[in-house]
Protein backbone atom coordinates (compact mmCIF):
# COMPACT_ATOMS: atom_id res chain seq x y z
CA UNK A 1 62.83 -48.76 -30.25
CA UNK A 2 61.75 -45.34 -29.01
CA UNK A 3 63.17 -42.01 -30.17
CA UNK A 4 64.11 -39.22 -27.76
CA UNK A 5 65.00 -35.64 -28.55
CA UNK A 6 66.10 -32.92 -26.12
CA UNK A 7 65.24 -29.30 -26.79
CA UNK A 8 66.17 -26.24 -24.73
CA UNK A 9 64.57 -22.81 -24.99
CA UNK A 10 64.55 -19.46 -23.23
CA UNK A 11 61.61 -18.54 -21.04
CA UNK A 12 60.65 -15.65 -18.80
CA UNK A 13 59.25 -16.86 -15.48
CA UNK A 14 57.16 -14.25 -13.69
CA UNK A 15 55.88 -14.53 -10.11
CA UNK A 16 53.32 -12.01 -8.85
CA UNK A 17 52.77 -11.96 -5.08
CA UNK A 18 49.78 -9.96 -3.84
CA UNK A 19 50.48 -9.23 -0.17
CA UNK A 20 47.13 -7.45 0.22
CA UNK A 21 44.96 -10.39 -0.92
CA UNK A 22 47.41 -13.17 0.07
CA UNK A 23 47.63 -14.66 -3.43
CA UNK A 24 50.37 -15.78 -5.79
CA UNK A 25 50.25 -16.17 -9.57
CA UNK A 26 52.91 -17.47 -11.93
CA UNK A 27 53.32 -16.92 -15.67
CA UNK A 28 55.65 -18.40 -18.28
CA UNK A 29 56.41 -16.46 -21.45
CA UNK A 30 58.05 -18.60 -24.12
CA UNK A 31 59.92 -17.33 -27.13
CA UNK A 32 60.95 -14.00 -25.68
CA UNK A 33 64.16 -13.60 -23.78
CA UNK A 34 64.00 -11.59 -20.54
CA UNK A 35 66.23 -8.57 -20.26
CA UNK A 36 67.44 -9.86 -16.89
CA UNK A 37 66.33 -10.44 -13.33
CA UNK A 38 63.77 -7.85 -12.24
CA UNK A 39 62.16 -7.39 -8.82
CA UNK A 40 59.51 -4.71 -8.26
CA UNK A 41 57.31 -3.77 -5.30
CA UNK A 42 54.37 -1.43 -5.78
CA UNK A 43 51.09 -1.05 -3.84
CA UNK A 44 51.48 -4.38 -2.03
CA UNK A 45 52.31 -6.31 -5.21
CA UNK A 46 55.73 -7.96 -5.51
CA UNK A 47 56.69 -8.89 -9.07
CA UNK A 48 59.70 -11.10 -9.74
CA UNK A 49 60.86 -11.84 -13.31
CA UNK A 50 63.52 -14.48 -13.92
CA UNK A 51 65.16 -15.41 -17.23
CA UNK A 52 65.47 -19.20 -17.38
CA UNK A 53 66.46 -21.94 -19.81
CA UNK A 54 64.10 -24.92 -19.87
CA UNK A 55 65.25 -28.23 -21.36
CA UNK A 56 62.76 -31.00 -22.10
CA UNK A 57 63.06 -34.54 -23.40
CA UNK A 58 60.35 -35.63 -25.81
CA UNK A 59 60.03 -39.36 -26.49
CA UNK A 60 58.10 -41.08 -29.27
CA UNK A 61 57.42 -44.63 -28.09
CA UNK A 62 57.03 -47.79 -30.19
CA UNK A 63 53.25 -47.64 -29.82
CA UNK A 64 53.34 -44.02 -31.16
CA UNK A 65 52.50 -42.55 -27.75
CA UNK A 66 54.45 -39.47 -26.75
CA UNK A 67 55.89 -38.50 -23.39
CA UNK A 68 57.68 -35.38 -22.23
CA UNK A 69 59.83 -34.59 -19.25
CA UNK A 70 61.47 -31.44 -17.94
CA UNK A 71 65.14 -32.38 -17.54
CA UNK A 72 66.59 -29.04 -16.44
CA UNK A 73 65.58 -25.53 -15.50
CA UNK A 74 68.47 -23.13 -15.06
CA UNK A 75 69.64 -19.57 -15.36
CA UNK A 76 71.22 -18.68 -18.72
CA UNK A 77 75.00 -18.98 -18.81
CA UNK A 78 75.45 -15.24 -19.45
CA UNK A 79 74.24 -14.18 -15.98
């Protein structure tokens, strides 16, 4: 019989769009809570910061292998 545990945590998801060089980068910062949604445009760079809650299921199988799955990604309830 396998064991499954769900854990949710706050993340800051940051998207940086470089309109000059036509590139996009994403970053995830775990453990720190964002102060809120932030959108900035400066010198051709668009930066979007989103506070999110990520919930994952972690399963320990009978053969001791482990699997993980993202089950939800949402905005915090306080927004």
